[in-house]
Amino acid sequence: MTENNEKLSIVINTADDKRADDITALQVTEITSIADYFVICSGNSERQTIAIADAIDDKMHKSGYELKAKEGHRSGRWILLDFGDIIVHIFHKEDREFYNLERLWIDGKKLDIDNYIG
């Protein structure tokens, strides 16, 4: 398993374990230089989005991956975790519908997350 696949697996499985809704992974390598992958998911409350973010941060840290930046943690409405080549967006459900990052990054390649769960 490549390092990116391992990172994606950790992020996706952790979000799934915390019952994140509508987990989406996009490969954006060809359309931006800011990251190789975006993982987007949502929670039903600020408390849940914060719990998802904290769990991902903790699992990635324990696996030796450094968090480069974290934004939005206090509000719990849109939390961004930047692991360099993978950026995780954790939205409150209402905010995800409003910002609709999947539409904004429609040229990204949608990955089958079932390949990473397990």
Protein backbone atom coordinates (compact mmCIF):
# COMPACT_ATOMS: atom_id res chain seq x y z
CA MET A 1 0.00 0.00 0.00
CA THR A 2 1.38 3.40 -0.95
CA GLU A 3 1.70 6.12 1.66
CA ASN A 4 -1.18 8.10 0.13
CA ASN A 5 -3.38 5.01 0.08
CA GLU A 6 -2.53 4.37 3.73
CA LYS A 7 -3.36 7.97 4.64
CA LEU A 8 -6.61 7.85 2.70
CA SER A 9 -7.52 4.58 4.38
CA ILE A 10 -6.89 6.02 7.85
CA VAL A 11 -8.90 9.17 7.14
CA ILE A 12 -11.82 7.38 5.47
CA ASN A 13 -12.03 4.57 8.03
CA THR A 14 -11.84 6.98 10.95
CA ALA A 15 -14.57 9.18 9.49
CA ASP A 16 -16.66 6.07 8.88
CA ASP A 17 -16.06 4.85 12.46
CA LYS A 18 -17.35 8.22 13.73
CA ARG A 19 -20.45 7.84 11.54
CA ALA A 20 -19.61 10.67 9.16
CA ASP A 21 -22.17 11.09 6.39
CA ASP A 22 -21.54 11.01 2.67
CA ILE A 23 -17.77 10.43 2.69
CA THR A 24 -16.29 11.48 -0.65
CA ALA A 25 -12.68 11.25 -1.80
CA LEU A 26 -11.45 13.23 -4.80
CA GLN A 27 -8.11 12.98 -6.53
CA VAL A 28 -7.27 16.57 -7.49
CA THR A 29 -3.66 16.08 -8.59
CA GLU A 30 -4.33 17.16 -12.17
CA ILE A 31 -6.28 20.34 -11.32
CA THR A 32 -4.48 21.93 -8.34
CA SER A 33 -1.08 22.01 -6.70
CA ILE A 34 -2.41 22.51 -3.16
CA ALA A 35 -3.04 18.79 -2.56
CA ASP A 36 -3.32 15.42 -4.24
CA TYR A 37 -6.58 14.41 -2.55
CA PHE A 38 -9.57 15.96 -0.84
CA VAL A 39 -11.68 13.93 1.54
CA ILE A 40 -15.06 15.52 2.22
CA CYS A 41 -17.57 14.33 4.80
CA SER A 42 -20.24 15.74 7.04
CA GLY A 43 -21.72 15.45 10.49
CA ASN A 44 -25.16 16.27 11.82
CA SER A 45 -23.99 18.60 14.60
CA GLU A 46 -21.02 20.74 15.56
CA ARG A 47 -20.18 18.21 18.26
CA GLN A 48 -20.05 15.39 15.70
CA THR A 49 -17.90 17.33 13.22
CA ILE A 50 -15.43 18.16 16.00
CA ALA A 51 -15.38 14.51 17.13
CA ILE A 52 -14.69 13.37 13.55
CA ALA A 53 -11.87 15.91 13.17
CA ASP A 54 -10.31 15.01 16.53
CA ALA A 55 -10.42 11.29 15.76
CA ILE A 56 -8.81 11.74 12.33
CA ASP A 57 -6.12 14.02 13.77
CA ASP A 58 -5.41 11.50 16.54
CA LYS A 59 -5.23 8.44 14.25
CA MET A 60 -3.04 10.21 11.71
CA HIS A 61 -0.72 11.45 14.47
CA LYS A 62 -0.44 7.92 15.94
CA SER A 63 0.40 6.65 12.45
CA GLY A 64 3.22 9.19 12.12
CA TYR A 65 1.54 11.70 9.81
CA GLU A 66 1.93 15.37 10.65
CA LEU A 67 -1.00 17.76 10.68
CA LYS A 68 0.23 20.89 8.90
CA ALA A 69 -2.79 23.10 9.60
CA LYS A 70 -6.23 23.00 11.18
CA GLU A 71 -8.98 25.57 10.60
CA GLY A 72 -12.56 25.94 11.83
CA HIS A 73 -12.25 23.60 14.79
CA ARG A 74 -13.86 25.96 17.28
CA SER A 75 -17.02 26.58 15.28
CA GLY A 76 -17.45 22.97 14.13
CA ARG A 77 -19.23 24.11 10.98
CA TRP A 78 -16.44 23.52 8.43
CA ILE A 79 -13.25 21.99 9.76
CA LEU A 80 -10.25 21.70 7.49
CA LEU A 81 -7.38 19.34 8.32
CA ASP A 82 -4.31 19.77 6.11
CA PHE A 83 -1.98 16.78 5.97
CA GLY A 84 -0.02 18.17 3.02
CA ASP A 85 -1.00 15.90 0.18
CA ILE A 86 -4.43 15.15 1.68
CA ILE A 87 -6.84 17.84 2.82
CA VAL A 88 -9.86 16.75 4.85
CA HIS A 89 -13.02 18.88 4.87
CA ILE A 90 -15.50 18.05 7.62
CA PHE A 91 -18.74 19.98 7.26
CA HIS A 92 -21.88 20.44 9.25
CA LYS A 93 -24.50 18.97 6.91
CA GLU A 94 -26.15 22.34 6.16
CA ASP A 95 -22.84 24.03 5.35
CA ARG A 96 -21.77 21.20 3.08
CA GLU A 97 -24.90 21.66 0.99
CA PHE A 98 -24.29 25.42 0.85
CA TYR A 99 -20.59 25.30 -0.16
CA ASN A 100 -20.92 22.19 -2.36
CA LEU A 101 -17.19 21.53 -2.80
CA GLU A 102 -17.91 18.52 -4.98
CA ARG A 103 -19.41 20.86 -7.59
CA LEU A 104 -16.52 23.29 -7.23
CA TRP A 105 -14.00 20.47 -7.78
CA ILE A 106 -16.09 18.54 -10.30
CA ASP A 107 -13.04 17.93 -12.51
CA GLY A 108 -11.44 15.88 -9.72
CA LYS A 109 -11.52 12.11 -10.01
CA LYS A 110 -13.99 10.62 -7.54
CA LEU A 111 -12.49 7.61 -5.79
CA ASP A 112 -14.42 4.53 -4.71
CA ILE A 113 -14.15 4.79 -0.92
CA ASP A 114 -15.06 1.11 -0.55
CA ASN A 115 -11.51 0.39 -1.75
CA TYR A 116 -10.21 2.09 1.41
CA ILE A 117 -12.65 0.81 4.04
CA GLY A 118 -11.77 -2.31 5.89
